[in-house]
Amino acid sequence: MKKTVLIVSIIAITMVAFYSCTKNTNESVTEEQAVQNLVSSGNFIAFTGHFISDFSALMQYHRSSAVLADKTGFLAQVKLASGDGNALSGAYRSFALNYETAMGLKNRIDNDLLGLLNQHKFLLRFSEEQVQRIIVKAIDEGVHSADQRWVDVKRSFRFDRGMAYDGRTTASNGLRTTGTNRMEAILSLDEVWACVKSALGLGTASIIGIAGVTKLAEQGIQQVVITASKWIAERAGWWGLAITLIDFGVCIYNETKD
């Protein structure tokens, strides 16, 4: 009997010690340590290429002739319709855009973020503002890194400068093309990232819906469906994201003139 009690006691003490150690390890992770964990991670490097490409695609879609001709009017209508999917659809139609297409492109970003959070669960212990800050810092360090894996991602990334201009036609995949006015020159990952970072820095983490995606990751969800993306966008504030996309587009356009 005494032997049994002793064994049980040892197991209990071991479990408590293990739990305490694990808890302390999680609590001791700083933002800087989180950044370094991501920078050295192969799947984060892959995430960076997908995230920047998908964010760029969403921006490109919003550069219709109607929006470029009246950015203020577009933002005003989106702000007025925020939180109401039907009203947002109407606002988009009035500027020759399709809200469903925009949501499809936003869904790619949501899935990029969800995949990242599922692969790096330690991020879930940080606030949404901290998570965005960590991601931005990690990408920033990565794109300026000499690590061959980051160099390979930068070499494989291509952003056609022509895509930054108006582009009067829309391809079947929802991305804009510029037809005969397409330019052959390209922007590098570093140049595009500088614009993404600048645009994201103008707002809060709610702009890209990190809080909503975090809730899905905490529930063990592996994929964000379009309906969930709409829910996240309409509650996070689509108007704020629209401003970010416009600012990003202006930055990209300015880069094409350098």
C-alpha atoms as a PDB file:
ATOM      1  CA  MET A   1       0.000   0.000   0.000  1.00  0.00           C
ATOM      2  CA  LYS A   2       2.782   2.398   0.976  1.00  0.00           C
ATOM      3  CA  LYS A   3       4.588   1.514  -2.219  1.00  0.00           C
ATOM      4  CA  THR A   4       1.495   2.339  -4.266  1.00  0.00           C
ATOM      5  CA  VAL A   5       1.011   5.671  -2.500  1.00  0.00           C
ATOM      6  CA  LEU A   6       4.678   6.511  -3.095  1.00  0.00           C
ATOM      7  CA  ILE A   7       4.418   5.759  -6.811  1.00  0.00           C
ATOM      8  CA  VAL A   8       1.249   7.829  -7.150  1.00  0.00           C
ATOM      9  CA  SER A   9       2.913  10.698  -5.280  1.00  0.00           C
ATOM     10  CA  ILE A  10       5.952  10.593  -7.554  1.00  0.00           C
ATOM     11  CA  ILE A  11       3.756  10.613 -10.671  1.00  0.00           C
ATOM     12  CA  ALA A  12       1.722  13.524  -9.310  1.00  0.00           C
ATOM     13  CA  ILE A  13       4.835  15.532  -8.467  1.00  0.00           C
ATOM     14  CA  THR A  14       6.309  14.802 -11.900  1.00  0.00           C
ATOM     15  CA  MET A  15       3.126  15.933 -13.666  1.00  0.00           C
ATOM     16  CA  VAL A  16       2.980  19.155 -11.646  1.00  0.00           C
ATOM     17  CA  ALA A  17       6.637  19.849 -12.341  1.00  0.00           C
ATOM     18  CA  PHE A  18       6.178  19.174 -16.060  1.00  0.00           C
ATOM     19  CA  TYR A  19       3.097  21.418 -16.228  1.00  0.00           C
ATOM     20  CA  SER A  20       4.869  24.193 -14.339  1.00  0.00           C
ATOM     21  CA  CYS A  21       7.892  23.938 -16.574  1.00  0.00           C
ATOM     22  CA  THR A  22       5.760  24.034 -19.718  1.00  0.00           C
ATOM     23  CA  LYS A  23       3.711  26.942 -18.435  1.00  0.00           C
ATOM     24  CA  ASN A  24       6.787  28.906 -17.445  1.00  0.00           C
ATOM     25  CA  THR A  25       8.377  28.235 -20.817  1.00  0.00           C
ATOM     26  CA  ASN A  26       5.291  29.585 -22.610  1.00  0.00           C
ATOM     27  CA  GLU A  27       5.093  32.603 -20.337  1.00  0.00           C
ATOM     28  CA  SER A  28       8.792  33.364 -20.836  1.00  0.00           C
ATOM     29  CA  VAL A  29       8.482  33.716 -24.624  1.00  0.00           C
ATOM     30  CA  THR A  30       8.988  37.372 -25.486  1.00  0.00           C
ATOM     31  CA  GLU A  31       7.949  39.135 -28.660  1.00  0.00           C
ATOM     32  CA  GLU A  32      11.557  39.205 -29.829  1.00  0.00           C
ATOM     33  CA  GLN A  33      11.953  35.469 -29.232  1.00  0.00           C
ATOM     34  CA  ALA A  34       8.726  34.884 -31.145  1.00  0.00           C
ATOM     35  CA  VAL A  35      10.096  36.958 -34.021  1.00  0.00           C
ATOM     36  CA  GLN A  36      13.305  34.935 -34.153  1.00  0.00           C
ATOM     37  CA  ASN A  37      11.354  31.661 -34.009  1.00  0.00           C
ATOM     38  CA  LEU A  38       9.412  32.728 -37.087  1.00  0.00           C
ATOM     39  CA  VAL A  39      12.355  34.123 -39.055  1.00  0.00           C
ATOM     40  CA  SER A  40      14.170  30.794 -38.807  1.00  0.00           C
ATOM     41  CA  SER A  41      11.086  28.737 -39.698  1.00  0.00           C
ATOM     42  CA  GLY A  42      10.765  27.298 -43.190  1.00  0.00           C
ATOM     43  CA  ASN A  43       6.977  27.388 -43.175  1.00  0.00           C
ATOM     44  CA  PHE A  44       7.003  31.053 -42.097  1.00  0.00           C
ATOM     45  CA  ILE A  45       9.282  31.865 -45.011  1.00  0.00           C
ATOM     46  CA  ALA A  46       6.769  30.187 -47.328  1.00  0.00           C
ATOM     47  CA  PHE A  47       3.919  32.040 -45.568  1.00  0.00           C
ATOM     48  CA  THR A  48       5.613  35.357 -46.317  1.00  0.00           C
ATOM     49  CA  GLY A  49       5.587  34.777 -50.065  1.00  0.00           C
ATOM     50  CA  HIS A  50       1.916  33.728 -50.033  1.00  0.00           C
ATOM     51  CA  PHE A  51       0.803  36.524 -47.693  1.00  0.00           C
ATOM     52  CA  ILE A  52       2.454  39.342 -49.645  1.00  0.00           C
ATOM     53  CA  SER A  53       1.207  37.949 -52.967  1.00  0.00           C
ATOM     54  CA  ASP A  54      -2.360  37.560 -51.675  1.00  0.00           C
ATOM     55  CA  PHE A  55      -2.382  40.996 -50.039  1.00  0.00           C
ATOM     56  CA  SER A  56      -1.115  42.474 -53.311  1.00  0.00           C
ATOM     57  CA  ALA A  57      -3.856  40.669 -55.262  1.00  0.00           C
ATOM     58  CA  LEU A  58      -6.539  42.143 -53.009  1.00  0.00           C
ATOM     59  CA  MET A  59      -5.076  45.609 -53.495  1.00  0.00           C
ATOM     60  CA  GLN A  60      -4.869  45.179 -57.275  1.00  0.00           C
ATOM     61  CA  TYR A  61      -8.521  44.204 -57.468  1.00  0.00           C
ATOM     62  CA  HIS A  62      -9.533  47.475 -55.805  1.00  0.00           C
ATOM     63  CA  ARG A  63      -7.780  49.601 -58.417  1.00  0.00           C
ATOM     64  CA  SER A  64     -10.722  49.865 -60.804  1.00  0.00           C
ATOM     65  CA  SER A  65     -11.064  53.002 -62.924  1.00  0.00           C
ATOM     66  CA  ALA A  66     -14.103  54.051 -60.886  1.00  0.00           C
ATOM     67  CA  VAL A  67     -12.275  53.738 -57.564  1.00  0.00           C
ATOM     68  CA  LEU A  68      -9.177  55.534 -58.834  1.00  0.00           C
ATOM     69  CA  ALA A  69     -11.378  58.351 -60.112  1.00  0.00           C
ATOM     70  CA  ASP A  70     -13.143  58.805 -56.765  1.00  0.00           C
ATOM     71  CA  LYS A  71     -11.269  57.179 -53.867  1.00  0.00           C
ATOM     72  CA  THR A  72     -12.947  59.430 -51.323  1.00  0.00           C
ATOM     73  CA  GLY A  73     -16.417  58.540 -52.589  1.00  0.00           C
ATOM     74  CA  PHE A  74     -15.604  54.819 -52.557  1.00  0.00           C
ATOM     75  CA  LEU A  75     -14.304  54.925 -48.983  1.00  0.00           C
ATOM     76  CA  ALA A  76     -17.320  56.979 -47.876  1.00  0.00           C
ATOM     77  CA  GLN A  77     -19.741  54.403 -49.272  1.00  0.00           C
ATOM     78  CA  VAL A  78     -17.811  51.505 -47.733  1.00  0.00           C
ATOM     79  CA  LYS A  79     -17.761  53.253 -44.360  1.00  0.00           C
ATOM     80  CA  LEU A  80     -21.498  53.879 -44.527  1.00  0.00           C
ATOM     81  CA  ALA A  81     -22.129  50.216 -45.416  1.00  0.00           C
ATOM     82  CA  SER A  82     -19.691  48.682 -42.906  1.00  0.00           C
ATOM     83  CA  GLY A  83     -21.176  45.729 -41.058  1.00  0.00           C
ATOM     84  CA  ASP A  84     -23.881  45.172 -43.663  1.00  0.00           C
ATOM     85  CA  GLY A  85     -22.988  42.664 -46.361  1.00  0.00           C
ATOM     86  CA  ASN A  86     -25.837  43.665 -48.681  1.00  0.00           C
ATOM     87  CA  ALA A  87     -24.975  47.344 -48.414  1.00  0.00           C
ATOM     88  CA  LEU A  88     -21.303  46.573 -49.070  1.00  0.00           C
ATOM     89  CA  SER A  89     -22.258  44.590 -52.167  1.00  0.00           C
ATOM     90  CA  GLY A  90     -24.185  47.616 -53.414  1.00  0.00           C
ATOM     91  CA  ALA A  91     -21.284  49.951 -52.689  1.00  0.00           C
ATOM     92  CA  TYR A  92     -18.932  47.702 -54.645  1.00  0.00           C
ATOM     93  CA  ARG A  93     -21.295  47.452 -57.611  1.00  0.00           C
ATOM     94  CA  SER A  94     -21.492  51.224 -57.840  1.00  0.00           C
ATOM     95  CA  PHE A  95     -17.711  51.258 -58.383  1.00  0.00           C
ATOM     96  CA  ALA A  96     -17.647  48.427 -60.925  1.00  0.00           C
ATOM     97  CA  LEU A  97     -16.402  45.890 -58.382  1.00  0.00           C
ATOM     98  CA  ASN A  98     -17.796  42.611 -57.081  1.00  0.00           C
ATOM     99  CA  TYR A  99     -17.913  42.200 -53.299  1.00  0.00           C
ATOM    100  CA  GLU A 100     -17.923  38.387 -53.594  1.00  0.00           C
ATOM    101  CA  THR A 101     -14.718  38.490 -55.616  1.00  0.00           C
ATOM    102  CA  ALA A 102     -13.119  40.765 -53.029  1.00  0.00           C
ATOM    103  CA  MET A 103     -14.166  38.340 -50.297  1.00  0.00           C
ATOM    104  CA  GLY A 104     -12.639  35.458 -52.223  1.00  0.00           C
ATOM    105  CA  LEU A 105      -9.312  37.305 -52.320  1.00  0.00           C
ATOM    106  CA  LYS A 106      -9.590  38.252 -48.640  1.00  0.00           C
ATOM    107  CA  ASN A 107     -10.271  34.589 -47.873  1.00  0.00           C
ATOM    108  CA  ARG A 108      -6.811  33.716 -49.177  1.00  0.00           C
ATOM    109  CA  ILE A 109      -5.261  36.098 -46.651  1.00  0.00           C
ATOM    110  CA  ASP A 110      -7.391  34.663 -43.845  1.00  0.00           C
ATOM    111  CA  ASN A 111      -6.210  31.162 -44.695  1.00  0.00           C
ATOM    112  CA  ASP A 112      -2.595  32.318 -44.862  1.00  0.00           C
ATOM    113  CA  LEU A 113      -2.937  33.678 -41.324  1.00  0.00           C
ATOM    114  CA  LEU A 114      -4.862  30.659 -40.008  1.00  0.00           C
ATOM    115  CA  GLY A 115      -2.227  28.298 -41.373  1.00  0.00           C
ATOM    116  CA  LEU A 116       0.476  30.346 -39.672  1.00  0.00           C
ATOM    117  CA  LEU A 117      -1.323  30.326 -36.303  1.00  0.00           C
ATOM    118  CA  ASN A 118      -1.977  26.592 -36.523  1.00  0.00           C
ATOM    119  CA  GLN A 119       1.680  25.911 -37.281  1.00  0.00           C
ATOM    120  CA  HIS A 120       2.949  28.241 -34.545  1.00  0.00           C
ATOM    121  CA  LYS A 121       0.550  27.825 -31.638  1.00  0.00           C
ATOM    122  CA  PHE A 122       2.729  29.929 -29.334  1.00  0.00           C
ATOM    123  CA  LEU A 123       1.387  32.989 -31.156  1.00  0.00           C
ATOM    124  CA  LEU A 124      -2.055  32.367 -29.656  1.00  0.00           C
ATOM    125  CA  ARG A 125      -0.889  33.542 -26.244  1.00  0.00           C
ATOM    126  CA  PHE A 126      -0.224  37.052 -27.580  1.00  0.00           C
ATOM    127  CA  SER A 127      -2.808  39.773 -28.194  1.00  0.00           C
ATOM    128  CA  GLU A 128      -3.879  40.520 -31.775  1.00  0.00           C
ATOM    129  CA  GLU A 129      -1.795  43.706 -31.770  1.00  0.00           C
ATOM    130  CA  GLN A 130       1.240  41.744 -30.618  1.00  0.00           C
ATOM    131  CA  VAL A 131       0.691  39.031 -33.229  1.00  0.00           C
ATOM    132  CA  GLN A 132       0.569  41.587 -36.030  1.00  0.00           C
ATOM    133  CA  ARG A 133       3.652  43.317 -34.637  1.00  0.00           C
ATOM    134  CA  ILE A 134       5.501  39.985 -34.421  1.00  0.00           C
ATOM    135  CA  ILE A 135       4.543  38.998 -37.976  1.00  0.00           C
ATOM    136  CA  VAL A 136       5.549  42.390 -39.396  1.00  0.00           C
ATOM    137  CA  LYS A 137       8.902  42.368 -37.567  1.00  0.00           C
ATOM    138  CA  ALA A 138       9.621  38.782 -38.605  1.00  0.00           C
ATOM    139  CA  ILE A 139       8.865  39.429 -42.280  1.00  0.00           C
ATOM    140  CA  ASP A 140      10.901  42.639 -42.166  1.00  0.00           C
ATOM    141  CA  GLU A 141      13.917  40.812 -40.767  1.00  0.00           C
ATOM    142  CA  GLY A 142      13.430  37.977 -43.219  1.00  0.00           C
ATOM    143  CA  VAL A 143      13.310  40.045 -46.403  1.00  0.00           C
ATOM    144  CA  HIS A 144      16.577  41.682 -45.350  1.00  0.00           C
ATOM    145  CA  SER A 145      18.180  38.376 -44.353  1.00  0.00           C
ATOM    146  CA  ALA A 146      21.097  36.692 -46.118  1.00  0.00           C
ATOM    147  CA  ASP A 147      19.669  33.272 -45.241  1.00  0.00           C
ATOM    148  CA  GLN A 148      19.543  31.309 -48.509  1.00  0.00           C
ATOM    149  CA  ARG A 149      15.929  30.252 -47.897  1.00  0.00           C
ATOM    150  CA  TRP A 150      14.842  33.890 -47.735  1.00  0.00           C
ATOM    151  CA  VAL A 151      17.015  34.734 -50.738  1.00  0.00           C
ATOM    152  CA  ASP A 152      15.261  31.986 -52.730  1.00  0.00           C
ATOM    153  CA  VAL A 153      11.819  33.357 -51.810  1.00  0.00           C
ATOM    154  CA  LYS A 154      12.850  36.861 -52.864  1.00  0.00           C
ATOM    155  CA  ARG A 155      14.202  35.578 -56.164  1.00  0.00           C
ATOM    156  CA  SER A 156      11.015  33.670 -56.941  1.00  0.00           C
ATOM    157  CA  PHE A 157       8.716  36.612 -56.119  1.00  0.00           C
ATOM    158  CA  ARG A 158       7.533  38.703 -59.044  1.00  0.00           C
ATOM    159  CA  PHE A 159       5.179  41.686 -59.043  1.00  0.00           C
ATOM    160  CA  ASP A 160       4.504  43.145 -62.470  1.00  0.00           C
ATOM    161  CA  ARG A 161       4.759  46.931 -62.321  1.00  0.00           C
ATOM    162  CA  GLY A 162       1.996  47.103 -64.917  1.00  0.00           C
ATOM    163  CA  MET A 163      -0.409  45.564 -62.404  1.00  0.00           C
ATOM    164  CA  ALA A 164      -0.048  48.689 -60.295  1.00  0.00           C
ATOM    165  CA  TYR A 165      -1.641  50.814 -62.976  1.00  0.00           C
ATOM    166  CA  ASP A 166      -5.334  51.018 -63.703  1.00  0.00           C
ATOM    167  CA  GLY A 167      -5.771  47.778 -65.668  1.00  0.00           C
ATOM    168  CA  ARG A 168      -9.128  48.087 -67.384  1.00  0.00           C
ATOM    169  CA  THR A 169      -9.921  44.385 -67.705  1.00  0.00           C
ATOM    170  CA  THR A 170     -10.355  41.689 -65.084  1.00  0.00           C
ATOM    171  CA  ALA A 171      -9.053  38.171 -65.620  1.00  0.00           C
ATOM    172  CA  SER A 172     -11.170  35.153 -64.718  1.00  0.00           C
ATOM    173  CA  ASN A 173      -9.240  34.706 -61.473  1.00  0.00           C
ATOM    174  CA  GLY A 174     -10.245  38.194 -60.308  1.00  0.00           C
ATOM    175  CA  LEU A 175      -6.828  39.797 -60.809  1.00  0.00           C
ATOM    176  CA  ARG A 176      -6.507  42.863 -63.000  1.00  0.00           C
ATOM    177  CA  THR A 177      -4.426  42.938 -66.152  1.00  0.00           C
ATOM    178  CA  THR A 178      -3.313  45.915 -68.210  1.00  0.00           C
ATOM    179  CA  GLY A 179      -3.655  44.522 -71.700  1.00  0.00           C
ATOM    180  CA  THR A 180      -1.435  46.229 -74.270  1.00  0.00           C
ATOM    181  CA  ASN A 181      -0.224  48.686 -71.628  1.00  0.00           C
ATOM    182  CA  ARG A 182       1.338  45.914 -69.533  1.00  0.00           C
ATOM    183  CA  MET A 183       4.894  46.788 -68.522  1.00  0.00           C
ATOM    184  CA  GLU A 184       7.679  44.211 -68.412  1.00  0.00           C
ATOM    185  CA  ALA A 185       9.501  45.690 -65.413  1.00  0.00           C
ATOM    186  CA  ILE A 186       8.803  44.189 -61.990  1.00  0.00           C
ATOM    187  CA  LEU A 187       8.939  45.164 -58.342  1.00  0.00           C
ATOM    188  CA  SER A 188      11.006  43.086 -55.938  1.00  0.00           C
ATOM    189  CA  LEU A 189       9.690  41.468 -52.768  1.00  0.00           C
ATOM    190  CA  ASP A 190      11.555  44.091 -50.746  1.00  0.00           C
ATOM    191  CA  GLU A 191       9.830  46.945 -52.582  1.00  0.00           C
ATOM    192  CA  VAL A 192       6.355  45.440 -52.309  1.00  0.00           C
ATOM    193  CA  TRP A 193       6.876  44.521 -48.655  1.00  0.00           C
ATOM    194  CA  ALA A 194       7.913  48.097 -47.851  1.00  0.00           C
ATOM    195  CA  CYS A 195       4.500  49.217 -49.121  1.00  0.00           C
ATOM    196  CA  VAL A 196       2.631  46.461 -47.260  1.00  0.00           C
ATOM    197  CA  LYS A 197       4.422  47.364 -44.033  1.00  0.00           C
ATOM    198  CA  SER A 198       3.708  51.053 -44.480  1.00  0.00           C
ATOM    199  CA  ALA A 199       0.013  50.399 -45.164  1.00  0.00           C
ATOM    200  CA  LEU A 200      -0.428  48.033 -42.222  1.00  0.00           C
ATOM    201  CA  GLY A 201       1.360  50.479 -39.970  1.00  0.00           C
ATOM    202  CA  LEU A 202      -1.368  53.046 -40.554  1.00  0.00           C
ATOM    203  CA  GLY A 203      -4.016  51.011 -38.744  1.00  0.00           C
ATOM    204  CA  THR A 204      -4.647  48.430 -36.042  1.00  0.00           C
ATOM    205  CA  ALA A 205      -4.436  44.643 -36.154  1.00  0.00           C
ATOM    206  CA  SER A 206      -8.207  44.465 -36.638  1.00  0.00           C
ATOM    207  CA  ILE A 207      -7.660  45.666 -40.210  1.00  0.00           C
ATOM    208  CA  ILE A 208      -6.610  42.198 -41.390  1.00  0.00           C
ATOM    209  CA  GLY A 209      -8.892  40.392 -38.942  1.00  0.00           C
ATOM    210  CA  ILE A 210      -6.287  38.653 -36.784  1.00  0.00           C
ATOM    211  CA  ALA A 211      -8.686  38.458 -33.828  1.00  0.00           C
ATOM    212  CA  GLY A 212     -11.287  36.559 -35.844  1.00  0.00           C
ATOM    213  CA  VAL A 213      -8.728  34.176 -37.330  1.00  0.00           C
ATOM    214  CA  THR A 214      -7.229  33.613 -33.869  1.00  0.00           C
ATOM    215  CA  LYS A 215     -10.612  32.471 -32.551  1.00  0.00           C
ATOM    216  CA  LEU A 216     -10.790  29.915 -35.374  1.00  0.00           C
ATOM    217  CA  ALA A 217      -7.275  28.654 -34.592  1.00  0.00           C
ATOM    218  CA  GLU A 218      -8.144  28.319 -30.899  1.00  0.00           C
ATOM    219  CA  GLN A 219     -11.089  26.119 -31.905  1.00  0.00           C
ATOM    220  CA  GLY A 220      -8.858  23.901 -34.026  1.00  0.00           C
ATOM    221  CA  ILE A 221     -10.363  25.031 -37.340  1.00  0.00           C
ATOM    222  CA  GLN A 222      -8.077  24.187 -40.269  1.00  0.00           C
ATOM    223  CA  GLN A 223      -9.647  26.248 -43.052  1.00  0.00           C
ATOM    224  CA  VAL A 224     -11.482  29.551 -43.279  1.00  0.00           C
ATOM    225  CA  VAL A 225     -14.577  29.352 -45.479  1.00  0.00           C
ATOM    226  CA  ILE A 226     -15.874  32.381 -47.410  1.00  0.00           C
ATOM    227  CA  THR A 227     -18.758  32.870 -44.982  1.00  0.00           C
ATOM    228  CA  ALA A 228     -16.296  33.130 -42.099  1.00  0.00           C
ATOM    229  CA  SER A 229     -14.174  35.607 -44.053  1.00  0.00           C
ATOM    230  CA  LYS A 230     -17.237  37.798 -44.564  1.00  0.00           C
ATOM    231  CA  TRP A 231     -18.049  37.611 -40.868  1.00  0.00           C
ATOM    232  CA  ILE A 232     -14.488  38.548 -39.925  1.00  0.00           C
ATOM    233  CA  ALA A 233     -14.295  41.390 -42.455  1.00  0.00           C
ATOM    234  CA  GLU A 234     -17.656  42.925 -41.601  1.00  0.00           C
ATOM    235  CA  ARG A 235     -16.978  42.888 -37.874  1.00  0.00           C
ATOM    236  CA  ALA A 236     -13.313  43.853 -38.017  1.00  0.00           C
ATOM    237  CA  GLY A 237     -14.177  46.942 -40.074  1.00  0.00           C
ATOM    238  CA  TRP A 238     -13.961  46.598 -43.856  1.00  0.00           C
ATOM    239  CA  TRP A 239     -13.648  50.375 -44.142  1.00  0.00           C
ATOM    240  CA  GLY A 240     -10.286  50.290 -42.335  1.00  0.00           C
ATOM    241  CA  LEU A 241      -9.007  47.571 -44.654  1.00  0.00           C
ATOM    242  CA  ALA A 242     -10.256  49.511 -47.686  1.00  0.00           C
ATOM    243  CA  ILE A 243      -8.199  52.528 -46.570  1.00  0.00           C
ATOM    244  CA  THR A 244      -5.174  50.271 -46.095  1.00  0.00           C
ATOM    245  CA  LEU A 245      -5.595  48.836 -49.604  1.00  0.00           C
ATOM    246  CA  ILE A 246      -5.909  52.308 -51.152  1.00  0.00           C
ATOM    247  CA  ASP A 247      -2.776  53.499 -49.317  1.00  0.00           C
ATOM    248  CA  PHE A 248      -0.941  50.349 -50.366  1.00  0.00           C
ATOM    249  CA  GLY A 249      -1.933  50.924 -53.986  1.00  0.00           C
ATOM    250  CA  VAL A 250      -0.706  54.529 -53.887  1.00  0.00           C
ATOM    251  CA  CYS A 251       2.628  53.367 -52.456  1.00  0.00           C
ATOM    252  CA  ILE A 252       3.006  50.702 -55.154  1.00  0.00           C
ATOM    253  CA  TYR A 253       2.166  53.235 -57.865  1.00  0.00           C
ATOM    254  CA  ASN A 254       4.833  55.579 -56.495  1.00  0.00           C
ATOM    255  CA  GLU A 255       7.359  52.722 -56.487  1.00  0.00           C
ATOM    256  CA  THR A 256       6.724  52.177 -60.206  1.00  0.00           C
ATOM    257  CA  LYS A 257       7.835  55.726 -60.894  1.00  0.00           C
ATOM    258  CA  ASP A 258      11.174  55.382 -59.081  1.00  0.00           C
END
